[in-house]
């Protein structure tokens, strides 16, 4: 008699395992309905142990020659099918393809595959990988907006660290490329935002990785993109914001290669603000911006530039004299002699009838500025003769240079006068202590400067030449 045809009752153990396998299948069915991502992730994890269990049960029942073993073969085939399907369908298969595309540098295809995971399988265990790889693939595919979007998500979910140097480099590249693209298309508002972001991330590299090659690059790039952000704001007419960015940049990066560009933008921004304030009759603000130009590096600005001269003419022509005078006094008293000199020379130039009021301030400002800078020391001179005037002295100034000299005298009297090349001039002054400043006009040659005591009834001779 065939032992497998013998009738044997179905054991409680067989019923238990049958129910168990049906429950497993029901659970998988529920996962498929509830979330396909979880279903495909769980499918191999469930099928493998279930498959092994089914094999064991089949062997057990076949060894007992029980026909119920054939029932478990059905379950065995179901779980084998599930295992095979998990290898060719679902997130696992898609991610495997995405990785292959990424490794072969077909980033667009990789993005397409990871995008399927991201959109269709949000609870899959491959979802986090999809986010990070979408960031990397998009970056390498030069889709910088998508790269930033996914990079931000990865950082927010703590899949990547915003302090990691490789992540920082991606941020800087993405923002700088997007800034350049926006600038080229004329979207200066967006360009400014992108440039500031790029600069901020370069700042982080400088702070956190100061001794790396990336920091060396960042030291160049951070100010570059700030200047570009300022230029974008300038193009939008946001001159105040442009000035703020540029002044902060020059303070933070005083030796940047972009000093000249920054100075030029500051120059133009202050000119534009001064013009706007003048049109609104806000003379003080207009003057403040004109004076702000004097703070710029003299190496990069030209005060003879027609734009500066034109706005200077407007400021000194339109601004009330009392306001100019009061501002000049305030600057002088606070020892800002450069700006005070600018004010008083402007007042004298545009109001010659009252120029005598400002002579002492002009001379003193000039002398103070020179005494704190580089100059050629004038030697103390002895009298070369006498005169019959009490409390008076006569000085003969002789110009043996090829240039015009401008003389400033501060002491018992204040004087300003010119001496043409190869000529001389006799000046009568009240006797006493003087500081004498001699500028060589239209040259970069350092001025002469010295302190003298001119005696009553004495005559002096001061000779100027450029021989060492």
Protein backbone atom coordinates (compact mmCIF):
# COMPACT_ATOMS: atom_id res chain seq x y z
CA UNK A 1 0.00 0.00 0.00
CA UNK A 2 1.30 3.51 -0.87
CA UNK A 3 2.21 5.07 2.47
CA UNK A 4 1.32 8.58 1.24
CA UNK A 5 -2.20 7.48 0.49
CA UNK A 6 -2.79 6.39 3.99
CA UNK A 7 -5.32 8.48 5.78
CA UNK A 8 -3.86 10.31 8.71
CA UNK A 9 -5.52 13.07 10.66
CA UNK A 10 -4.13 16.60 10.18
CA UNK A 11 -2.11 17.33 13.25
CA UNK A 12 -2.52 20.44 15.38
CA UNK A 13 1.06 21.42 14.47
CA UNK A 14 0.25 21.37 10.75
CA UNK A 15 -2.84 23.49 11.35
CA UNK A 16 -0.74 25.94 13.38
CA UNK A 17 1.82 26.34 10.61
CA UNK A 18 -0.84 26.66 7.94
CA UNK A 19 -2.55 29.41 9.94
CA UNK A 20 0.84 31.01 10.57
CA UNK A 21 1.70 31.10 6.86
CA UNK A 22 -1.73 32.50 6.00
CA UNK A 23 -1.23 35.20 8.62
CA UNK A 24 2.16 36.00 7.12
CA UNK A 25 0.62 36.27 3.67
CA UNK A 26 -2.21 38.38 5.06
CA UNK A 27 0.30 40.64 6.76
CA UNK A 28 2.21 41.07 3.52
CA UNK A 29 -1.05 41.79 1.73
CA UNK A 30 -1.90 44.45 4.27
CA UNK A 31 1.56 46.03 3.86
CA UNK A 32 1.08 46.03 0.10
CA UNK A 33 -2.19 47.89 0.57
CA UNK A 34 -0.95 50.19 3.32
CA UNK A 35 2.52 51.09 2.04
CA UNK A 36 4.27 49.60 -0.95
CA UNK A 37 7.66 50.76 0.30
CA UNK A 38 7.35 48.84 3.56
CA UNK A 39 5.94 45.85 1.65
CA UNK A 40 8.93 45.55 -0.63
CA UNK A 41 11.38 46.13 2.21
CA UNK A 42 9.74 43.46 4.37
CA UNK A 43 9.16 40.97 1.58
CA UNK A 44 12.68 39.43 1.51
CA UNK A 45 12.96 39.67 5.29
CA UNK A 46 9.73 37.68 5.64
CA UNK A 47 10.22 35.31 2.71
CA UNK A 48 13.67 34.05 3.70
CA UNK A 49 12.77 32.77 7.22
CA UNK A 50 9.36 31.61 5.99
CA UNK A 51 11.06 29.74 3.16
CA UNK A 52 13.47 28.03 5.53
CA UNK A 53 10.64 27.18 7.88
CA UNK A 54 8.57 25.74 5.01
CA UNK A 55 11.47 23.55 3.89
CA UNK A 56 11.87 22.22 7.39
CA UNK A 57 8.16 21.49 7.71
CA UNK A 58 8.07 19.77 4.29
CA UNK A 59 11.00 17.54 5.23
CA UNK A 60 9.33 16.71 8.55
CA UNK A 61 5.99 15.74 7.03
CA UNK A 62 7.51 13.89 4.10
CA UNK A 63 9.58 11.94 6.57
CA UNK A 64 6.31 11.01 8.31
CA UNK A 65 4.85 10.23 4.90
CA UNK A 66 2.00 12.67 5.48
CA UNK A 67 0.18 14.19 2.49
CA UNK A 68 -0.14 17.51 4.32
CA UNK A 69 3.49 18.08 3.29
CA UNK A 70 2.27 18.88 -0.21
CA UNK A 71 0.33 21.84 1.18
CA UNK A 72 3.53 23.35 2.49
CA UNK A 73 5.14 22.97 -0.93
CA UNK A 74 2.57 25.52 -2.11
CA UNK A 75 3.71 27.92 0.59
CA UNK A 76 7.30 27.16 -0.34
CA UNK A 77 6.62 28.17 -3.94
CA UNK A 78 4.83 31.33 -2.81
CA UNK A 79 7.76 32.45 -0.68
CA UNK A 80 10.29 31.59 -3.39
CA UNK A 81 8.24 33.68 -5.80
CA UNK A 82 8.17 36.56 -3.29
CA UNK A 83 11.93 36.38 -2.85
CA UNK A 84 12.49 36.40 -6.61
CA UNK A 85 10.09 39.32 -7.08
CA UNK A 86 11.88 41.35 -4.42
CA UNK A 87 15.11 41.04 -6.41
CA UNK A 88 13.58 42.44 -9.61
CA UNK A 89 10.86 44.80 -8.42
CA UNK A 90 10.42 47.41 -5.73
CA UNK A 91 12.93 49.73 -4.00
CA UNK A 92 15.75 47.21 -3.76
CA UNK A 93 15.80 46.64 -7.51
CA UNK A 94 15.38 50.36 -8.24
CA UNK A 95 18.21 51.35 -5.89
CA UNK A 96 20.48 48.72 -7.38
CA UNK A 97 19.88 50.24 -10.82
CA UNK A 98 20.35 53.78 -9.45
CA UNK A 99 23.70 52.82 -7.95
CA UNK A 100 24.83 51.28 -11.22
CA UNK A 101 23.89 54.45 -13.12
CA UNK A 102 25.66 56.61 -10.52
CA UNK A 103 28.84 54.53 -10.71
CA UNK A 104 28.80 54.77 -14.50
CA UNK A 105 28.33 58.59 -14.19
CA UNK A 106 24.91 58.53 -15.83
CA UNK A 107 23.61 60.97 -13.22
CA UNK A 108 20.35 61.82 -14.98
CA UNK A 109 19.33 58.15 -15.01
CA UNK A 110 20.42 57.80 -11.39
CA UNK A 111 18.31 60.81 -10.46
CA UNK A 112 15.27 59.32 -12.22
CA UNK A 113 15.58 56.08 -10.26
CA UNK A 114 16.14 57.71 -6.88
CA UNK A 115 13.25 60.07 -7.61
CA UNK A 116 10.97 57.02 -7.89
CA UNK A 117 12.07 55.91 -4.43
CA UNK A 118 11.55 59.42 -3.08
CA UNK A 119 8.08 59.87 -4.56
CA UNK A 120 6.61 56.36 -4.39
CA UNK A 121 8.32 54.71 -1.43
CA UNK A 122 8.63 57.33 1.34
CA UNK A 123 8.71 54.67 4.12
CA UNK A 124 11.25 52.48 2.42
CA UNK A 125 14.58 51.87 4.14
CA UNK A 126 16.16 53.21 0.94
CA UNK A 127 14.37 56.56 1.27
CA UNK A 128 17.24 58.21 3.18
CA UNK A 129 19.74 56.98 0.63
CA UNK A 130 17.51 58.41 -2.11
CA UNK A 131 17.60 61.87 -0.52
CA UNK A 132 21.38 61.98 -0.12
CA UNK A 133 22.04 60.47 -3.53
CA UNK A 134 19.59 62.85 -5.18
CA UNK A 135 21.67 65.67 -3.70
CA UNK A 136 24.96 64.23 -4.95
CA UNK A 137 23.63 63.17 -8.35
CA UNK A 138 21.93 66.51 -8.97
CA UNK A 139 25.09 68.36 -8.00
CA UNK A 140 27.21 66.29 -10.38
CA UNK A 141 24.54 66.73 -13.07
CA UNK A 142 24.76 70.52 -12.48
CA UNK A 143 21.11 70.78 -11.41
CA UNK A 144 22.07 73.04 -8.52
CA UNK A 145 18.58 73.98 -7.35
CA UNK A 146 17.59 70.33 -7.00
CA UNK A 147 20.92 69.59 -5.34
CA UNK A 148 20.34 72.29 -2.72
CA UNK A 149 16.77 71.17 -2.11
CA UNK A 150 17.84 67.60 -1.35
CA UNK A 151 20.99 68.65 0.48
CA UNK A 152 18.86 70.73 2.84
CA UNK A 153 16.56 67.76 3.42
CA UNK A 154 19.50 65.47 4.11
CA UNK A 155 20.96 67.96 6.59
CA UNK A 156 17.58 68.50 8.25
CA UNK A 157 17.15 64.73 8.70
CA UNK A 158 20.77 64.55 9.98
CA UNK A 159 21.74 62.22 7.17
CA UNK A 160 24.53 64.67 6.36
CA UNK A 161 26.28 67.25 8.51
CA UNK A 162 26.26 70.87 7.40
CA UNK A 163 29.68 71.18 9.04
CA UNK A 164 31.27 68.46 6.92
CA UNK A 165 33.75 69.99 4.51
CA UNK A 166 32.50 68.02 1.50
CA UNK A 167 28.95 69.17 2.17
CA UNK A 168 30.16 72.75 2.62
CA UNK A 169 31.95 72.59 -0.72
CA UNK A 170 28.76 71.45 -2.44
CA UNK A 171 26.84 74.32 -0.84
CA UNK A 172 29.42 76.89 -1.98
CA UNK A 173 29.52 75.53 -5.52
CA UNK A 174 25.74 75.38 -5.85
CA UNK A 175 25.11 78.87 -4.51
CA UNK A 176 27.92 80.46 -6.51
CA UNK A 177 26.81 78.80 -9.75
CA UNK A 178 23.19 79.82 -9.16
CA UNK A 179 24.36 83.35 -8.33
CA UNK A 180 26.31 83.61 -11.58
CA UNK A 181 23.35 82.28 -13.54
CA UNK A 182 20.91 84.73 -11.92
CA UNK A 183 23.30 87.63 -12.42
CA UNK A 184 23.76 86.77 -16.10
CA UNK A 185 19.98 86.67 -16.59
CA UNK A 186 19.52 90.03 -14.85
CA UNK A 187 17.80 88.65 -11.74
CA UNK A 188 20.01 90.66 -9.41
CA UNK A 189 17.83 90.21 -6.33
CA UNK A 190 18.18 86.43 -6.51
CA UNK A 191 21.84 86.71 -7.47
CA UNK A 192 22.58 88.78 -4.36
CA UNK A 193 20.91 86.19 -2.13
CA UNK A 194 22.84 83.32 -3.71
CA UNK A 195 26.17 85.16 -3.52
CA UNK A 196 25.70 85.93 0.18
CA UNK A 197 24.87 82.28 0.87
CA UNK A 198 28.00 81.15 -0.99
CA UNK A 199 30.13 83.62 0.96
CA UNK A 200 28.63 82.53 4.28
CA UNK A 201 29.49 78.89 3.62
CA UNK A 202 33.03 79.88 2.63
CA UNK A 203 33.25 81.70 5.97
CA UNK A 204 32.35 78.45 7.75
CA UNK A 205 35.13 76.64 5.89
CA UNK A 206 37.60 79.34 6.94
CA UNK A 207 36.49 79.09 10.55
CA UNK A 208 36.28 75.30 10.88
CA UNK A 209 39.06 74.20 8.53
CA UNK A 210 41.64 77.03 8.67
CA UNK A 211 44.67 74.96 7.68
CA UNK A 212 43.25 73.25 4.59
CA UNK A 213 43.48 73.93 0.87
CA UNK A 214 39.75 74.61 0.95
CA UNK A 215 40.35 77.44 3.43
CA UNK A 216 42.96 78.92 1.09
CA UNK A 217 40.34 78.97 -1.67
CA UNK A 218 37.68 80.27 0.70
CA UNK A 219 39.86 83.22 1.70
CA UNK A 220 39.74 84.31 -1.94
CA UNK A 221 36.18 83.32 -2.76
CA UNK A 222 34.32 84.67 0.29
CA UNK A 223 35.11 88.34 -0.42
CA UNK A 224 34.67 87.79 -4.16
CA UNK A 225 31.06 86.71 -3.76
CA UNK A 226 30.31 89.45 -1.26
CA UNK A 227 31.51 92.02 -3.75
CA UNK A 228 29.32 90.35 -6.38
CA UNK A 229 26.38 90.52 -3.98
CA UNK A 230 27.08 94.22 -3.48
CA UNK A 231 27.24 94.74 -7.24
CA UNK A 232 23.88 92.98 -7.60
CA UNK A 233 22.36 95.30 -5.01
CA UNK A 234 23.93 98.28 -6.75
CA UNK A 235 22.28 97.24 -10.01
CA UNK A 236 18.96 97.10 -8.15
CA UNK A 237 19.49 100.60 -6.79
CA UNK A 238 19.95 99.29 -3.23
CA UNK A 239 22.97 101.49 -2.66
CA UNK A 240 22.80 101.51 1.14
CA UNK A 241 22.79 97.71 1.26
CA UNK A 242 25.65 97.61 -1.23
CA UNK A 243 27.68 99.95 1.00
CA UNK A 244 26.94 97.87 4.10
CA UNK A 245 28.12 94.65 2.41
CA UNK A 246 31.26 96.28 1.00
CA UNK A 247 32.33 97.96 4.23
CA UNK A 248 31.86 94.73 6.15
CA UNK A 249 33.83 92.85 3.49
CA UNK A 250 36.76 95.27 3.53
CA UNK A 251 36.82 95.22 7.34
CA UNK A 252 36.82 91.42 7.41
CA UNK A 253 39.14 90.91 4.44
CA UNK A 254 41.41 93.98 4.33
CA UNK A 255 43.93 92.29 2.03
CA UNK A 256 41.49 90.82 -0.45
CA UNK A 257 42.30 90.93 -4.15
CA UNK A 258 38.92 92.55 -4.64
CA UNK A 259 39.74 95.76 -2.75
CA UNK A 260 39.83 97.79 -5.95
CA UNK A 261 36.44 96.51 -7.11
CA UNK A 262 35.00 97.06 -3.65
CA UNK A 263 36.38 100.61 -3.47
CA UNK A 264 34.98 101.45 -6.90
CA UNK A 265 31.54 100.12 -5.93
CA UNK A 266 31.64 102.05 -2.67
CA UNK A 267 32.61 105.16 -4.60
CA UNK A 268 29.74 104.79 -7.05
CA UNK A 269 27.23 103.80 -4.36
CA UNK A 270 27.98 106.85 -2.23
CA UNK A 271 27.79 109.10 -5.29
CA UNK A 272 24.35 107.72 -6.13
CA UNK A 273 23.09 108.12 -2.56
CA UNK A 274 24.44 111.67 -2.41
CA UNK A 275 22.59 112.51 -5.64
CA UNK A 276 19.37 111.02 -4.28
CA UNK A 277 19.66 112.85 -0.94
CA UNK A 278 20.36 116.14 -2.67
CA UNK A 279 17.21 115.75 -4.74
CA UNK A 280 15.33 115.31 -1.45
CA UNK A 281 17.19 118.31 0.04
CA UNK A 282 18.70 116.13 2.74
CA UNK A 283 22.00 118.00 2.61
CA UNK A 284 23.55 116.38 5.66
CA UNK A 285 23.09 112.84 4.35
CA UNK A 286 24.40 113.90 0.95
CA UNK A 287 27.48 115.41 2.58
CA UNK A 288 27.99 112.37 4.83
CA UNK A 289 28.10 110.11 1.80
CA UNK A 290 30.47 112.46 -0.01
CA UNK A 291 32.75 112.46 3.04
CA UNK A 292 32.48 108.67 3.22
CA UNK A 293 34.37 108.50 -0.07
CA UNK A 294 37.36 110.04 1.69
CA UNK A 295 37.61 106.93 3.87
CA UNK A 296 38.34 104.78 0.83
CA UNK A 297 41.82 103.61 -0.05
CA UNK A 298 43.43 106.49 -1.94
CA UNK A 299 45.16 103.94 -4.13
CA UNK A 300 41.85 103.02 -5.75
CA UNK A 301 39.88 106.27 -5.92
CA UNK A 302 40.34 109.45 -7.90
CA UNK A 303 38.96 112.62 -6.35
CA UNK A 304 39.37 114.31 -9.71
CA UNK A 305 36.92 111.86 -11.24
CA UNK A 306 34.20 113.82 -13.02
CA UNK A 307 31.45 112.05 -11.05
CA UNK A 308 32.98 113.08 -7.75
CA UNK A 309 33.68 116.61 -8.91
CA UNK A 310 30.13 117.01 -10.20
CA UNK A 311 28.47 115.85 -6.98
CA UNK A 312 30.94 117.90 -4.93
CA UNK A 313 29.93 120.99 -6.90
CA UNK A 314 26.27 120.27 -6.24
CA UNK A 315 26.80 119.66 -2.53
CA UNK A 316 28.81 122.80 -1.91
CA UNK A 317 26.54 124.89 -4.11
CA UNK A 318 23.25 123.74 -2.59
CA UNK A 319 24.08 123.05 1.06
CA UNK A 320 23.61 126.03 3.41
CA UNK A 321 26.91 127.58 4.49
CA UNK A 322 26.07 127.37 8.19
CA UNK A 323 25.53 123.61 7.93
CA UNK A 324 28.83 123.09 6.09
CA UNK A 325 30.62 125.27 8.59
CA UNK A 326 29.17 123.51 11.64
CA UNK A 327 29.99 120.08 10.24
CA UNK A 328 33.53 121.26 9.46
CA UNK A 329 34.01 122.54 13.01
CA UNK A 330 32.74 119.27 14.43
CA UNK A 331 35.13 117.24 12.30
CA UNK A 332 38.05 119.47 13.20
CA UNK A 333 37.31 119.29 16.92
CA UNK A 334 37.11 115.50 16.71
CA UNK A 335 40.51 115.55 14.94
CA UNK A 336 39.17 114.14 11.69
CA UNK A 337 41.43 116.56 9.83
CA UNK A 338 41.11 114.95 6.42
CA UNK A 339 37.36 115.50 6.24
CA UNK A 340 37.57 118.86 8.00
CA UNK A 341 40.09 120.01 5.37
CA UNK A 342 37.75 118.85 2.61
CA UNK A 343 34.90 120.89 4.09
CA UNK A 344 36.90 124.08 4.68
CA UNK A 345 38.63 123.99 1.29
CA UNK A 346 35.23 123.49 -0.33
CA UNK A 347 33.76 126.39 1.62
CA UNK A 348 36.65 128.64 0.59
CA UNK A 349 36.47 127.57 -3.05
CA UNK A 350 32.73 128.13 -3.42
CA UNK A 351 32.54 131.14 -1.10
CA UNK A 352 35.75 133.13 -1.66
CA UNK A 353 34.31 136.21 0.04
CA UNK A 354 34.42 134.44 3.43
CA UNK A 355 37.47 132.24 2.83
CA UNK A 356 39.52 134.11 5.47
CA UNK A 357 37.26 132.58 8.14
CA UNK A 358 38.56 129.15 7.31
CA UNK A 359 42.25 129.86 6.62
CA UNK A 360 43.47 128.78 10.05
CA UNK A 361 41.44 125.56 9.89
CA UNK A 362 42.76 124.70 6.44
CA UNK A 363 46.38 125.30 7.44
CA UNK A 364 46.04 123.48 10.76
CA UNK A 365 44.32 120.50 9.15
CA UNK A 366 47.03 120.25 6.50
CA UNK A 367 49.84 120.52 9.03
CA UNK A 368 48.30 117.97 11.39
CA UNK A 369 47.79 115.48 8.58
CA UNK A 370 51.39 115.90 7.41
CA UNK A 371 52.88 115.70 10.90
CA UNK A 372 51.23 112.28 11.33
CA UNK A 373 52.43 111.00 7.96
CA UNK A 374 55.54 110.77 5.80
CA UNK A 375 57.49 113.94 5.12
CA UNK A 376 60.95 115.34 4.39
CA UNK A 377 62.34 117.03 7.45
CA UNK A 378 63.14 120.74 7.06
CA UNK A 379 66.29 121.82 8.86
CA UNK A 380 66.23 124.67 11.34
CA UNK A 381 67.55 127.79 9.61
CA UNK A 382 69.62 130.62 11.04
CA UNK A 383 69.09 134.31 10.27
CA UNK A 384 70.91 135.53 7.14
CA UNK A 385 70.32 139.22 7.78
CA UNK A 386 68.33 141.78 9.70
CA UNK A 387 65.45 144.16 9.06
CA UNK A 388 64.30 147.33 10.75
CA UNK A 389 60.82 146.07 11.57
CA UNK A 390 59.98 145.23 15.16
CA UNK A 391 58.02 142.05 15.83
CA UNK A 392 58.42 141.15 12.16
CA UNK A 393 60.48 138.61 10.26
CA UNK A 394 61.07 138.14 6.54
CA UNK A 395 61.55 134.72 5.00
CA UNK A 396 62.78 134.22 1.48
CA UNK A 397 61.38 130.98 0.07
CA UNK A 398 63.39 129.74 -2.92
CA UNK A 399 62.03 126.97 -5.14
CA UNK A 400 64.88 125.15 -6.89
CA UNK A 401 62.65 122.30 -8.07
CA UNK A 402 60.88 121.77 -11.38
CA UNK A 403 57.52 121.80 -9.65
CA UNK A 404 55.19 124.36 -8.13
CA UNK A 405 55.33 124.48 -4.35
CA UNK A 406 52.44 125.26 -2.02
CA UNK A 407 53.49 126.66 1.37
CA UNK A 408 51.42 126.39 4.55
CA UNK A 409 52.53 128.32 7.65
CA UNK A 410 50.96 127.91 11.09
CA UNK A 411 52.04 129.98 14.05
CA UNK A 412 51.73 133.63 14.95
CA UNK A 413 50.01 133.92 11.59
CA UNK A 414 48.39 131.54 9.13
CA UNK A 415 49.42 131.75 5.49
CA UNK A 416 49.00 129.80 2.25
CA UNK A 417 50.80 130.71 -0.97
CA UNK A 418 52.35 129.16 -4.09
CA UNK A 419 55.87 129.46 -5.49
CA UNK A 420 56.42 128.67 -9.14
CA UNK A 421 59.27 126.45 -10.32
CA UNK A 422 62.75 128.01 -10.20
CA UNK A 423 61.50 131.17 -8.48
CA UNK A 424 61.44 132.70 -5.03
CA UNK A 425 59.13 134.70 -2.84
CA UNK A 426 59.71 136.91 0.20
CA UNK A 427 57.07 136.72 2.92
CA UNK A 428 56.71 139.07 5.86
CA UNK A 429 55.30 137.45 9.00
CA UNK A 430 54.87 138.22 12.68
CA UNK A 431 57.86 136.91 14.54
CA UNK A 432 57.45 133.76 16.58
CA UNK A 433 57.10 130.00 16.41
CA UNK A 434 55.90 128.39 13.13
CA UNK A 435 55.23 125.04 11.59
CA UNK A 436 55.98 125.08 7.89
CA UNK A 437 54.60 122.60 5.38
CA UNK A 438 55.73 122.58 1.76
CA UNK A 439 53.81 120.47 -0.78
CA UNK A 440 55.24 119.59 -4.19
CA UNK A 441 52.16 119.91 -6.37
CA UNK A 442 51.06 117.31 -8.92
CA UNK A 443 53.59 114.72 -7.73
CA UNK A 444 53.74 111.78 -5.37
CA UNK A 445 56.79 113.24 -3.66
CA UNK A 446 56.55 113.50 0.13
CA UNK A 447 56.16 117.09 1.40
CA UNK A 448 58.69 119.08 3.40
CA UNK A 449 57.83 119.79 7.01
CA UNK A 450 59.61 121.49 9.89
CA UNK A 451 59.27 123.65 13.01
CA UNK A 452 60.92 127.08 13.19
CA UNK A 453 61.29 130.07 15.47
CA UNK A 454 61.62 133.30 13.54
CA UNK A 455 63.16 136.12 15.60
CA UNK A 456 62.00 139.71 15.58
CA UNK A 457 63.89 141.90 13.05
CA UNK A 458 65.59 138.90 11.40
CA UNK A 459 65.67 137.73 7.81
CA UNK A 460 65.72 134.04 6.82
CA UNK A 461 66.31 132.05 3.68
CA UNK A 462 64.60 128.72 3.02
CA UNK A 463 65.77 126.81 -0.06
CA UNK A 464 63.90 123.82 -1.41
CA UNK A 465 65.31 121.22 -3.75
CA UNK A 466 64.82 117.51 -4.22
CA UNK A 467 68.45 116.51 -3.74
CA UNK A 468 68.91 113.89 -1.04
